[in-house]
Amino acid sequence: MQPPKAAPDMQSVLDALASLGGKPIETLTPAEARMQPSAADGAKAAMQKKGMSTAPDPAVTTQDLPYGSDPKQFARIYKPANAPAGGKPMPVIVYYHGGGWVIADVDTYDAAPRAMAKALNAIVVSVEYRHAPEFKFPAQHDDAAAAYRWTLQNAANWGGDAARIATVGESAGGNLAVATAIYARDNGLTMPRHIVSVYPIANSNMTLPSRRDSANAKPLNAAMLPWFGYYYQTSKADAQDTRLNLVAANLRGLPPTTIINAQIDPLRSDGETLAAAMRAGGDKVEQKTFPGVTHEFFGMAKVVNGAKQANDLAVARLKTAFEAPAARR
């Protein structure tokens, strides 16, 4: 079954990525997979072809700070460069990157947190976490929760307002954005004002419609999903843990949530079924599947129109959440 056709601007990124000569991830070891060109590299190659700069936007500054003792337990703090010292505290976004909990890092996923810091005049805390298979599930979820707790404790030191906080993530990080909100609810922490979950891993059912119709999609295909699972799970039973299989979790009392999906993505049905499960739990959820785009499109707003639309949607919903009066407890 051939996946749906990509929009021309998305296809140009896929072509640029293919030209970088990466090997199929599912045939590699984790160490080899981490050396392969990423979708972000494909987007940069497409930008270069158009004569666009690929340098990071200097309107946002970054600083790396540790939240734990392992070298991987750090966060990159993005701040608007023109934020006045001692100015009004800024909203805070805790952002979790993707990569199936095995590959990629905060460098790979620089575009979205940088763009959000600028568009929302916000502090974005991009969380690095320990990777599998060196550290298996639930290490990544433990790190995500620890980084959220640490952000609440330290946001004021960075000029942030810990009362106006949101969680955002892509792919494996889209899962962490929701799982961490559940953790905050269950542990009496300040709840995120909003969750933005972009093509999350959320449903362990391997017969979902998108697993079939986008089985041969790029840059994520259906064969890569069990490859990631093999490395981050201790046993197959982990797949049913409600931190991974979010559709089976207690989803009641979660913040308003925006779920963004790509049409050409084996994880599309994860987002769609998660939205249904959250609505059944009484949560306010907006789910949108963007046509003609693939997994990893969210960080490509400079070259893919669908990505710009998805970014604009996320920014608009976060802005509304941050501007709303604080909910009474």
Foldseek 3Di string as FASTA:
>chain_A
DEADAFDPLQVQLVVQLVVQPFDQLLVDDLVNNQPHDDSLNSLVSSCVVVVHDPDQDPQKDWDWDALDDDPQRIWIKIAGPPPDVVDQFFAEEEEEEDDLLRYDFCVSVVQQQNVLCVLRRHIYIYGGFHGWPVAAPPRRLVSLLSVLVVCLVCSVVVRHDSLAYAYEYAECRLLSRQLNQVVCVVVVHRHHLEYERELYQAALDCPDPLLPNQQPPPPDHNSVNVSSVVTRDPDPVVCPPCSRNVLPDQLAPHHEYEYEAESNESSRVRSVSSQVSNVVNVHHYHYDYQYSHYGPCLSNVVRDVSNVVVSVVVSVVSNVSSPDPRDDD
